[in-house]
Amino acid sequence: MTRREVLAWLEARRPIPPDALRACIEAAVTDAELPPLVPLPDQLAVLGRRVLGRVAGRPEGGRELALELLAADAFITYAFEAQAEADATGLAGLAERIAGSEP
């Protein structure tokens, strides 16, 4: 999927996240290099791991990292939602890929 398609999929999610979180999520998608042939659940998982990696890379950080931590959580949650919509039998495989990947 392209960035535009990922953003459109995210825009259709309900409930809509708060404005600050939505802006953080949209910025992460807009700034990312997304391989177009990778399925949506994996793209969202990669985005979540990247954002989490940025948070983990700043151990001295405090409350200012809360929004990014929430965005990382949202991406992983959306990855599972997208996988469930596409093929629920693939949820365990997605979980394994997420757990075994590097941020």
PDB file of N, CA and C in Angstrom:
ATOM      1  N   MET A   1       0.833  -1.191   0.000  1.00  0.00           N
ATOM      2  CA  MET A   1       0.000   0.000   0.000  1.00  0.00           C
ATOM      3  C   MET A   1       0.874   1.250   0.000  1.00  0.00           C
ATOM      4  N   THR A   2       0.367   2.283  -0.595  1.00  0.00           N
ATOM      5  CA  THR A   2       1.063   3.556  -0.602  1.00  0.00           C
ATOM      6  C   THR A   2       0.774   4.313   0.691  1.00  0.00           C
ATOM      7  N   ARG A   3       1.518   5.358   0.935  1.00  0.00           N
ATOM      8  CA  ARG A   3       1.249   6.200   2.111  1.00  0.00           C
ATOM      9  C   ARG A   3      -0.194   6.703   2.091  1.00  0.00           C
ATOM     10  N   ARG A   4      -0.616   7.136   0.924  1.00  0.00           N
ATOM     11  CA  ARG A   4      -1.977   7.669   0.796  1.00  0.00           C
ATOM     12  C   ARG A   4      -3.011   6.603   1.176  1.00  0.00           C
ATOM     13  N   GLU A   5      -2.802   5.376   0.741  1.00  0.00           N
ATOM     14  CA  GLU A   5      -3.733   4.297   1.063  1.00  0.00           C
ATOM     15  C   GLU A   5      -3.702   3.959   2.559  1.00  0.00           C
ATOM     16  N   VAL A   6      -2.507   3.973   3.141  1.00  0.00           N
ATOM     17  CA  VAL A   6      -2.392   3.718   4.581  1.00  0.00           C
ATOM     18  C   VAL A   6      -3.111   4.821   5.352  1.00  0.00           C
ATOM     19  N   LEU A   7      -2.893   6.066   4.957  1.00  0.00           N
ATOM     20  CA  LEU A   7      -3.565   7.175   5.632  1.00  0.00           C
ATOM     21  C   LEU A   7      -5.077   7.092   5.476  1.00  0.00           C
ATOM     22  N   ALA A   8      -5.551   6.693   4.302  1.00  0.00           N
ATOM     23  CA  ALA A   8      -6.994   6.559   4.087  1.00  0.00           C
ATOM     24  C   ALA A   8      -7.559   5.452   4.968  1.00  0.00           C
ATOM     25  N   TRP A   9      -6.835   4.337   5.096  1.00  0.00           N
ATOM     26  CA  TRP A   9      -7.294   3.243   5.957  1.00  0.00           C
ATOM     27  C   TRP A   9      -7.370   3.726   7.407  1.00  0.00           C
ATOM     28  N   LEU A  10      -6.345   4.430   7.846  1.00  0.00           N
ATOM     29  CA  LEU A  10      -6.332   4.950   9.219  1.00  0.00           C
ATOM     30  C   LEU A  10      -7.465   5.949   9.449  1.00  0.00           C
ATOM     31  N   GLU A  11      -7.727   6.772   8.460  1.00  0.00           N
ATOM     32  CA  GLU A  11      -8.781   7.787   8.577  1.00  0.00           C
ATOM     33  C   GLU A  11     -10.154   7.151   8.759  1.00  0.00           C
ATOM     34  N   ALA A  12     -10.330   5.953   8.251  1.00  0.00           N
ATOM     35  CA  ALA A  12     -11.622   5.271   8.346  1.00  0.00           C
ATOM     36  C   ALA A  12     -11.832   4.567   9.686  1.00  0.00           C
ATOM     37  N   ARG A  13     -10.817   4.532  10.536  1.00  0.00           N
ATOM     38  CA  ARG A  13     -10.939   3.836  11.831  1.00  0.00           C
ATOM     39  C   ARG A  13     -11.834   4.621  12.775  1.00  0.00           C
ATOM     40  N   ARG A  14     -12.574   3.893  13.566  1.00  0.00           N
ATOM     41  CA  ARG A  14     -13.427   4.475  14.592  1.00  0.00           C
ATOM     42  C   ARG A  14     -13.197   3.753  15.900  1.00  0.00           C
ATOM     43  N   PRO A  15     -13.139   4.415  16.999  1.00  0.00           N
ATOM     44  CA  PRO A  15     -13.290   5.867  17.151  1.00  0.00           C
ATOM     45  C   PRO A  15     -12.050   6.597  16.642  1.00  0.00           C
ATOM     46  N   ILE A  16     -12.264   7.837  16.292  1.00  0.00           N
ATOM     47  CA  ILE A  16     -11.173   8.684  15.821  1.00  0.00           C
ATOM     48  C   ILE A  16     -10.293   9.036  17.011  1.00  0.00           C
ATOM     49  N   PRO A  17      -8.963   8.901  16.848  1.00  0.00           N
ATOM     50  CA  PRO A  17      -8.088   9.270  17.965  1.00  0.00           C
ATOM     51  C   PRO A  17      -8.116  10.780  18.211  1.00  0.00           C
ATOM     52  N   PRO A  18      -7.724  11.198  19.407  1.00  0.00           N
ATOM     53  CA  PRO A  18      -7.635  12.636  19.686  1.00  0.00           C
ATOM     54  C   PRO A  18      -6.721  13.320  18.662  1.00  0.00           C
ATOM     55  N   ASP A  19      -6.953  14.600  18.450  1.00  0.00           N
ATOM     56  CA  ASP A  19      -6.239  15.344  17.410  1.00  0.00           C
ATOM     57  C   ASP A  19      -4.723  15.224  17.510  1.00  0.00           C
ATOM     58  N   ALA A  20      -4.160  15.372  18.696  1.00  0.00           N
ATOM     59  CA  ALA A  20      -2.698  15.326  18.840  1.00  0.00           C
ATOM     60  C   ALA A  20      -2.155  13.950  18.470  1.00  0.00           C
ATOM     61  N   LEU A  21      -2.849  12.907  18.885  1.00  0.00           N
ATOM     62  CA  LEU A  21      -2.411  11.547  18.555  1.00  0.00           C
ATOM     63  C   LEU A  21      -2.567  11.290  17.060  1.00  0.00           C
ATOM     64  N   ARG A  22      -3.666  11.719  16.496  1.00  0.00           N
ATOM     65  CA  ARG A  22      -3.883  11.543  15.052  1.00  0.00           C
ATOM     66  C   ARG A  22      -2.787  12.243  14.257  1.00  0.00           C
ATOM     67  N   ALA A  23      -2.402  13.438  14.669  1.00  0.00           N
ATOM     68  CA  ALA A  23      -1.340  14.167  13.975  1.00  0.00           C
ATOM     69  C   ALA A  23      -0.005  13.431  14.086  1.00  0.00           C
ATOM     70  N   CYS A  24       0.270  12.861  15.240  1.00  0.00           N
ATOM     71  CA  CYS A  24       1.513  12.107  15.442  1.00  0.00           C
ATOM     72  C   CYS A  24       1.525  10.862  14.555  1.00  0.00           C
ATOM     73  N   ILE A  25       0.408  10.169  14.470  1.00  0.00           N
ATOM     74  CA  ILE A  25       0.287   8.970  13.636  1.00  0.00           C
ATOM     75  C   ILE A  25       0.453   9.344  12.162  1.00  0.00           C
ATOM     76  N   GLU A  26      -0.230  10.385  11.729  1.00  0.00           N
ATOM     77  CA  GLU A  26      -0.143  10.815  10.335  1.00  0.00           C
ATOM     78  C   GLU A  26       1.275  11.234   9.976  1.00  0.00           C
ATOM     79  N   ALA A  27       1.956  11.921  10.887  1.00  0.00           N
ATOM     80  CA  ALA A  27       3.337  12.334  10.629  1.00  0.00           C
ATOM     81  C   ALA A  27       4.253  11.123  10.483  1.00  0.00           C
ATOM     82  N   ALA A  28       4.046  10.115  11.294  1.00  0.00           N
ATOM     83  CA  ALA A  28       4.875   8.913  11.208  1.00  0.00           C
ATOM     84  C   ALA A  28       4.687   8.218   9.858  1.00  0.00           C
ATOM     85  N   VAL A  29       3.448   8.180   9.375  1.00  0.00           N
ATOM     86  CA  VAL A  29       3.188   7.562   8.069  1.00  0.00           C
ATOM     87  C   VAL A  29       3.786   8.414   6.957  1.00  0.00           C
ATOM     88  N   THR A  30       3.572   9.706   7.023  1.00  0.00           N
ATOM     89  CA  THR A  30       4.060  10.616   5.983  1.00  0.00           C
ATOM     90  C   THR A  30       5.579  10.603   5.880  1.00  0.00           C
ATOM     91  N   ASP A  31       6.264  10.489   7.013  1.00  0.00           N
ATOM     92  CA  ASP A  31       7.719  10.522   7.037  1.00  0.00           C
ATOM     93  C   ASP A  31       8.364   9.176   6.716  1.00  0.00           C
ATOM     94  N   ALA A  32       7.583   8.113   6.672  1.00  0.00           N
ATOM     95  CA  ALA A  32       8.140   6.768   6.536  1.00  0.00           C
ATOM     96  C   ALA A  32       8.322   6.361   5.077  1.00  0.00           C
ATOM     97  N   GLU A  33       9.308   5.500   4.873  1.00  0.00           N
ATOM     98  CA  GLU A  33       9.477   4.810   3.598  1.00  0.00           C
ATOM     99  C   GLU A  33       8.689   3.518   3.722  1.00  0.00           C
ATOM    100  N   LEU A  34       7.598   3.396   3.002  1.00  0.00           N
ATOM    101  CA  LEU A  34       6.752   2.212   3.088  1.00  0.00           C
ATOM    102  C   LEU A  34       6.888   1.389   1.816  1.00  0.00           C
ATOM    103  N   PRO A  35       7.391   0.171   1.934  1.00  0.00           N
ATOM    104  CA  PRO A  35       7.470  -0.674   0.739  1.00  0.00           C
ATOM    105  C   PRO A  35       6.065  -1.036   0.263  1.00  0.00           C
ATOM    106  N   PRO A  36       5.715  -0.743  -0.992  1.00  0.00           N
ATOM    107  CA  PRO A  36       4.338  -0.886  -1.449  1.00  0.00           C
ATOM    108  C   PRO A  36       3.822  -2.324  -1.507  1.00  0.00           C
ATOM    109  N   LEU A  37       4.690  -3.301  -1.591  1.00  0.00           N
ATOM    110  CA  LEU A  37       4.235  -4.685  -1.727  1.00  0.00           C
ATOM    111  C   LEU A  37       4.068  -5.397  -0.392  1.00  0.00           C
ATOM    112  N   VAL A  38       4.374  -4.715   0.700  1.00  0.00           N
ATOM    113  CA  VAL A  38       4.224  -5.303   2.034  1.00  0.00           C
ATOM    114  C   VAL A  38       2.767  -5.135   2.470  1.00  0.00           C
ATOM    115  N   PRO A  39       2.147  -6.199   2.998  1.00  0.00           N
ATOM    116  CA  PRO A  39       0.744  -6.093   3.424  1.00  0.00           C
ATOM    117  C   PRO A  39       0.553  -5.032   4.513  1.00  0.00           C
ATOM    118  N   LEU A  40      -0.637  -4.452   4.530  1.00  0.00           N
ATOM    119  CA  LEU A  40      -0.953  -3.389   5.475  1.00  0.00           C
ATOM    120  C   LEU A  40      -0.645  -3.753   6.920  1.00  0.00           C
ATOM    121  N   PRO A  41      -1.032  -4.938   7.421  1.00  0.00           N
ATOM    122  CA  PRO A  41      -0.728  -5.236   8.827  1.00  0.00           C
ATOM    123  C   PRO A  41       0.770  -5.143   9.133  1.00  0.00           C
ATOM    124  N   ASP A  42       1.595  -5.614   8.215  1.00  0.00           N
ATOM    125  CA  ASP A  42       3.037  -5.559   8.434  1.00  0.00           C
ATOM    126  C   ASP A  42       3.573  -4.133   8.337  1.00  0.00           C
ATOM    127  N   GLN A  43       3.007  -3.342   7.442  1.00  0.00           N
ATOM    128  CA  GLN A  43       3.421  -1.942   7.365  1.00  0.00           C
ATOM    129  C   GLN A  43       3.111  -1.211   8.672  1.00  0.00           C
ATOM    130  N   LEU A  44       1.913  -1.435   9.187  1.00  0.00           N
ATOM    131  CA  LEU A  44       1.528  -0.787  10.441  1.00  0.00           C
ATOM    132  C   LEU A  44       2.398  -1.265  11.596  1.00  0.00           C
ATOM    133  N   ALA A  45       2.716  -2.556  11.620  1.00  0.00           N
ATOM    134  CA  ALA A  45       3.586  -3.095  12.668  1.00  0.00           C
ATOM    135  C   ALA A  45       4.980  -2.485  12.591  1.00  0.00           C
ATOM    136  N   VAL A  46       5.501  -2.339  11.383  1.00  0.00           N
ATOM    137  CA  VAL A  46       6.821  -1.722  11.216  1.00  0.00           C
ATOM    138  C   VAL A  46       6.788  -0.282  11.715  1.00  0.00           C
ATOM    139  N   LEU A  47       5.743   0.447  11.387  1.00  0.00           N
ATOM    140  CA  LEU A  47       5.621   1.823  11.869  1.00  0.00           C
ATOM    141  C   LEU A  47       5.596   1.854  13.400  1.00  0.00           C
ATOM    142  N   GLY A  48       4.843   0.957  14.002  1.00  0.00           N
ATOM    143  CA  GLY A  48       4.788   0.894  15.461  1.00  0.00           C
ATOM    144  C   GLY A  48       6.146   0.596  16.068  1.00  0.00           C
ATOM    145  N   ARG A  49       6.860  -0.354  15.496  1.00  0.00           N
ATOM    146  CA  ARG A  49       8.189  -0.699  16.012  1.00  0.00           C
ATOM    147  C   ARG A  49       9.166   0.469  15.843  1.00  0.00           C
ATOM    148  N   ARG A  50       9.069   1.180  14.730  1.00  0.00           N
ATOM    149  CA  ARG A  50       9.961   2.330  14.514  1.00  0.00           C
ATOM    150  C   ARG A  50       9.716   3.425  15.546  1.00  0.00           C
ATOM    151  N   VAL A  51       8.448   3.737  15.765  1.00  0.00           N
ATOM    152  CA  VAL A  51       8.113   4.774  16.739  1.00  0.00           C
ATOM    153  C   VAL A  51       8.547   4.325  18.136  1.00  0.00           C
ATOM    154  N   LEU A  52       8.291   3.078  18.462  1.00  0.00           N
ATOM    155  CA  LEU A  52       8.725   2.548  19.761  1.00  0.00           C
ATOM    156  C   LEU A  52      10.243   2.592  19.884  1.00  0.00           C
ATOM    157  N   GLY A  53      10.944   2.299  18.813  1.00  0.00           N
ATOM    158  CA  GLY A  53      12.406   2.379  18.823  1.00  0.00           C
ATOM    159  C   GLY A  53      12.903   3.792  19.110  1.00  0.00           C
ATOM    160  N   ARG A  54      12.203   4.780  18.558  1.00  0.00           N
ATOM    161  CA  ARG A  54      12.592   6.178  18.853  1.00  0.00           C
ATOM    162  C   ARG A  54      12.389   6.497  20.328  1.00  0.00           C
ATOM    163  N   VAL A  55      11.303   6.006  20.894  1.00  0.00           N
ATOM    164  CA  VAL A  55      11.031   6.238  22.315  1.00  0.00           C
ATOM    165  C   VAL A  55      12.086   5.525  23.163  1.00  0.00           C
ATOM    166  N   ALA A  56      12.338   4.267  22.850  1.00  0.00           N
ATOM    167  CA  ALA A  56      13.313   3.484  23.614  1.00  0.00           C
ATOM    168  C   ALA A  56      14.724   4.051  23.485  1.00  0.00           C
ATOM    169  N   GLY A  57      14.991   4.718  22.386  1.00  0.00           N
ATOM    170  CA  GLY A  57      16.300   5.320  22.168  1.00  0.00           C
ATOM    171  C   GLY A  57      16.532   6.591  22.965  1.00  0.00           C
ATOM    172  N   ARG A  58      15.542   6.998  23.719  1.00  0.00           N
ATOM    173  CA  ARG A  58      15.661   8.202  24.546  1.00  0.00           C
ATOM    174  C   ARG A  58      15.332   7.867  25.995  1.00  0.00           C
ATOM    175  N   PRO A  59      16.154   7.050  26.655  1.00  0.00           N
ATOM    176  CA  PRO A  59      15.838   6.614  28.016  1.00  0.00           C
ATOM    177  C   PRO A  59      15.763   7.762  29.023  1.00  0.00           C
ATOM    178  N   GLU A  60      16.376   8.883  28.688  1.00  0.00           N
ATOM    179  CA  GLU A  60      16.308  10.038  29.585  1.00  0.00           C
ATOM    180  C   GLU A  60      15.000  10.804  29.425  1.00  0.00           C
ATOM    181  N   GLY A  61      14.230  10.439  28.423  1.00  0.00           N
ATOM    182  CA  GLY A  61      12.977  11.137  28.134  1.00  0.00           C
ATOM    183  C   GLY A  61      11.953  10.954  29.230  1.00  0.00           C
ATOM    184  N   GLY A  62      11.004  11.832  29.220  1.00  0.00           N
ATOM    185  CA  GLY A  62       9.938  11.802  30.219  1.00  0.00           C
ATOM    186  C   GLY A  62       8.585  11.904  29.551  1.00  0.00           C
ATOM    187  N   ARG A  63       7.767  12.724  30.117  1.00  0.00           N
ATOM    188  CA  ARG A  63       6.388  12.857  29.650  1.00  0.00           C
ATOM    189  C   ARG A  63       6.285  13.316  28.203  1.00  0.00           C
ATOM    190  N   GLU A  64       7.323  13.980  27.710  1.00  0.00           N
ATOM    191  CA  GLU A  64       7.269  14.462  26.328  1.00  0.00           C
ATOM    192  C   GLU A  64       7.238  13.309  25.325  1.00  0.00           C
ATOM    193  N   LEU A  65       7.562  12.101  25.778  1.00  0.00           N
ATOM    194  CA  LEU A  65       7.534  10.936  24.895  1.00  0.00           C
ATOM    195  C   LEU A  65       6.196  10.194  24.932  1.00  0.00           C
ATOM    196  N   ALA A  66       5.296  10.636  25.776  1.00  0.00           N
ATOM    197  CA  ALA A  66       4.026   9.930  25.961  1.00  0.00           C
ATOM    198  C   ALA A  66       3.229   9.826  24.662  1.00  0.00           C
ATOM    199  N   LEU A  67       3.189  10.886  23.891  1.00  0.00           N
ATOM    200  CA  LEU A  67       2.410  10.874  22.653  1.00  0.00           C
ATOM    201  C   LEU A  67       2.989   9.865  21.663  1.00  0.00           C
ATOM    202  N   GLU A  68       4.313   9.814  21.547  1.00  0.00           N
ATOM    203  CA  GLU A  68       4.933   8.843  20.649  1.00  0.00           C
ATOM    204  C   GLU A  68       4.696   7.415  21.133  1.00  0.00           C
ATOM    205  N   LEU A  69       4.726   7.212  22.434  1.00  0.00           N
ATOM    206  CA  LEU A  69       4.455   5.884  22.976  1.00  0.00           C
ATOM    207  C   LEU A  69       3.016   5.464  22.652  1.00  0.00           C
ATOM    208  N   LEU A  70       2.095   6.395  22.770  1.00  0.00           N
ATOM    209  CA  LEU A  70       0.704   6.106  22.399  1.00  0.00           C
ATOM    210  C   LEU A  70       0.575   5.820  20.901  1.00  0.00           C
ATOM    211  N   ALA A  71       1.334   6.535  20.081  1.00  0.00           N
ATOM    212  CA  ALA A  71       1.293   6.287  18.635  1.00  0.00           C
ATOM    213  C   ALA A  71       1.835   4.897  18.316  1.00  0.00           C
ATOM    214  N   ALA A  72       2.914   4.496  18.977  1.00  0.00           N
ATOM    215  CA  ALA A  72       3.462   3.155  18.760  1.00  0.00           C
ATOM    216  C   ALA A  72       2.423   2.102  19.119  1.00  0.00           C
ATOM    217  N   ASP A  73       1.771   2.277  20.241  1.00  0.00           N
ATOM    218  CA  ASP A  73       0.724   1.354  20.663  1.00  0.00           C
ATOM    219  C   ASP A  73      -0.416   1.332  19.646  1.00  0.00           C
ATOM    220  N   ALA A  74      -0.802   2.493  19.151  1.00  0.00           N
ATOM    221  CA  ALA A  74      -1.893   2.567  18.177  1.00  0.00           C
ATOM    222  C   ALA A  74      -1.526   1.820  16.895  1.00  0.00           C
ATOM    223  N   PHE A  75      -0.301   1.984  16.420  1.00  0.00           N
ATOM    224  CA  PHE A  75       0.111   1.297  15.201  1.00  0.00           C
ATOM    225  C   PHE A  75       0.054  -0.224  15.367  1.00  0.00           C
ATOM    226  N   ILE A  76       0.508  -0.721  16.500  1.00  0.00           N
ATOM    227  CA  ILE A  76       0.478  -2.171  16.726  1.00  0.00           C
ATOM    228  C   ILE A  76      -0.977  -2.648  16.827  1.00  0.00           C
ATOM    229  N   THR A  77      -1.806  -1.892  17.518  1.00  0.00           N
ATOM    230  CA  THR A  77      -3.223  -2.242  17.607  1.00  0.00           C
ATOM    231  C   THR A  77      -3.865  -2.238  16.228  1.00  0.00           C
ATOM    232  N   TYR A  78      -3.564  -1.216  15.426  1.00  0.00           N
ATOM    233  CA  TYR A  78      -4.106  -1.145  14.073  1.00  0.00           C
ATOM    234  C   TYR A  78      -3.588  -2.303  13.215  1.00  0.00           C
ATOM    235  N   ALA A  79      -2.347  -2.719  13.435  1.00  0.00           N
ATOM    236  CA  ALA A  79      -1.805  -3.852  12.681  1.00  0.00           C
ATOM    237  C   ALA A  79      -2.654  -5.099  12.918  1.00  0.00           C
ATOM    238  N   PHE A  80      -2.998  -5.342  14.176  1.00  0.00           N
ATOM    239  CA  PHE A  80      -3.841  -6.501  14.478  1.00  0.00           C
ATOM    240  C   PHE A  80      -5.247  -6.338  13.918  1.00  0.00           C
ATOM    241  N   GLU A  81      -5.769  -5.125  13.961  1.00  0.00           N
ATOM    242  CA  GLU A  81      -7.088  -4.872  13.390  1.00  0.00           C
ATOM    243  C   GLU A  81      -7.082  -5.136  11.888  1.00  0.00           C
ATOM    244  N   ALA A  82      -6.047  -4.640  11.199  1.00  0.00           N
ATOM    245  CA  ALA A  82      -5.952  -4.851   9.755  1.00  0.00           C
ATOM    246  C   ALA A  82      -5.799  -6.336   9.430  1.00  0.00           C
ATOM    247  N   GLN A  83      -5.023  -7.049  10.236  1.00  0.00           N
ATOM    248  CA  GLN A  83      -4.856  -8.480  10.003  1.00  0.00           C
ATOM    249  C   GLN A  83      -6.165  -9.223  10.228  1.00  0.00           C
ATOM    250  N   ALA A  84      -6.892  -8.862  11.270  1.00  0.00           N
ATOM    251  CA  ALA A  84      -8.176  -9.512  11.543  1.00  0.00           C
ATOM    252  C   ALA A  84      -9.162  -9.268  10.408  1.00  0.00           C
ATOM    253  N   GLU A  85      -9.144  -8.072   9.837  1.00  0.00           N
ATOM    254  CA  GLU A  85     -10.026  -7.772   8.713  1.00  0.00           C
ATOM    255  C   GLU A  85      -9.642  -8.568   7.476  1.00  0.00           C
ATOM    256  N   ALA A  86      -8.341  -8.734   7.247  1.00  0.00           N
ATOM    257  CA  ALA A  86      -7.863  -9.427   6.050  1.00  0.00           C
ATOM    258  C   ALA A  86      -7.980 -10.941   6.186  1.00  0.00           C
ATOM    259  N   ASP A  87      -7.543 -11.473   7.328  1.00  0.00           N
ATOM    260  CA  ASP A  87      -7.535 -12.921   7.548  1.00  0.00           C
ATOM    261  C   ASP A  87      -7.180 -13.186   9.000  1.00  0.00           C
ATOM    262  N   ALA A  88      -8.177 -13.461   9.797  1.00  0.00           N
ATOM    263  CA  ALA A  88      -7.961 -13.656  11.236  1.00  0.00           C
ATOM    264  C   ALA A  88      -7.045 -14.834  11.539  1.00  0.00           C
ATOM    265  N   THR A  89      -6.941 -15.779  10.630  1.00  0.00           N
ATOM    266  CA  THR A  89      -6.046 -16.908  10.894  1.00  0.00           C
ATOM    267  C   THR A  89      -4.579 -16.479  10.869  1.00  0.00           C
ATOM    268  N   GLY A  90      -4.297 -15.292  10.385  1.00  0.00           N
ATOM    269  CA  GLY A  90      -2.931 -14.792  10.330  1.00  0.00           C
ATOM    270  C   GLY A  90      -2.502 -13.998  11.558  1.00  0.00           C
ATOM    271  N   LEU A  91      -3.376 -13.901  12.569  1.00  0.00           N
ATOM    272  CA  LEU A  91      -3.042 -13.094  13.756  1.00  0.00           C
ATOM    273  C   LEU A  91      -1.827 -13.630  14.510  1.00  0.00           C
ATOM    274  N   ALA A  92      -1.746 -14.936  14.685  1.00  0.00           N
ATOM    275  CA  ALA A  92      -0.607 -15.502  15.409  1.00  0.00           C
ATOM    276  C   ALA A  92       0.695 -15.247  14.655  1.00  0.00           C
ATOM    277  N   GLY A  93       0.659 -15.396  13.350  1.00  0.00           N
ATOM    278  CA  GLY A  93       1.853 -15.126  12.548  1.00  0.00           C
ATOM    279  C   GLY A  93       2.285 -13.675  12.650  1.00  0.00           C
ATOM    280  N   LEU A  94       1.324 -12.761  12.644  1.00  0.00           N
ATOM    281  CA  LEU A  94       1.650 -11.342  12.802  1.00  0.00           C
ATOM    282  C   LEU A  94       2.284 -11.093  14.154  1.00  0.00           C
ATOM    283  N   ALA A  95       1.721 -11.683  15.190  1.00  0.00           N
ATOM    284  CA  ALA A  95       2.277 -11.514  16.536  1.00  0.00           C
ATOM    285  C   ALA A  95       3.726 -12.015  16.582  1.00  0.00           C
ATOM    286  N   GLU A  96       3.990 -13.131  15.947  1.00  0.00           N
ATOM    287  CA  GLU A  96       5.354 -13.667  15.915  1.00  0.00           C
ATOM    288  C   GLU A  96       6.297 -12.743  15.165  1.00  0.00           C
ATOM    289  N   ARG A  97       5.828 -12.197  14.038  1.00  0.00           N
ATOM    290  CA  ARG A  97       6.671 -11.270  13.283  1.00  0.00           C
ATOM    291  C   ARG A  97       6.975 -10.010  14.078  1.00  0.00           C
ATOM    292  N   ILE A  98       5.973  -9.503  14.788  1.00  0.00           N
ATOM    293  CA  ILE A  98       6.173  -8.299  15.588  1.00  0.00           C
ATOM    294  C   ILE A  98       7.145  -8.585  16.724  1.00  0.00           C
ATOM    295  N   ALA A  99       6.953  -9.684  17.416  1.00  0.00           N
ATOM    296  CA  ALA A  99       7.796 -10.021  18.559  1.00  0.00           C
ATOM    297  C   ALA A  99       9.235 -10.289  18.137  1.00  0.00           C
ATOM    298  N   GLY A 100       9.424 -10.794  16.946  1.00  0.00           N
ATOM    299  CA  GLY A 100      10.767 -11.136  16.509  1.00  0.00           C
ATOM    300  C   GLY A 100      11.494 -10.066  15.730  1.00  0.00           C
ATOM    301  N   SER A 101      10.839  -8.938  15.488  1.00  0.00           N
ATOM    302  CA  SER A 101      11.460  -7.886  14.678  1.00  0.00           C
ATOM    303  C   SER A 101      12.219  -6.905  15.544  1.00  0.00           C
ATOM    304  N   GLU A 102      13.111  -6.214  14.879  1.00  0.00           N
ATOM    305  CA  GLU A 102      13.886  -5.149  15.537  1.00  0.00           C
ATOM    306  C   GLU A 102      13.186  -3.826  15.313  1.00  0.00           C
ATOM    307  N   PRO A 103      13.248  -2.924  16.298  1.00  0.00           N
ATOM    308  CA  PRO A 103      12.628  -1.602  16.101  1.00  0.00           C
ATOM    309  C   PRO A 103      13.302  -0.810  15.024  1.00  0.00           C
TER     310      PRO A 103
END
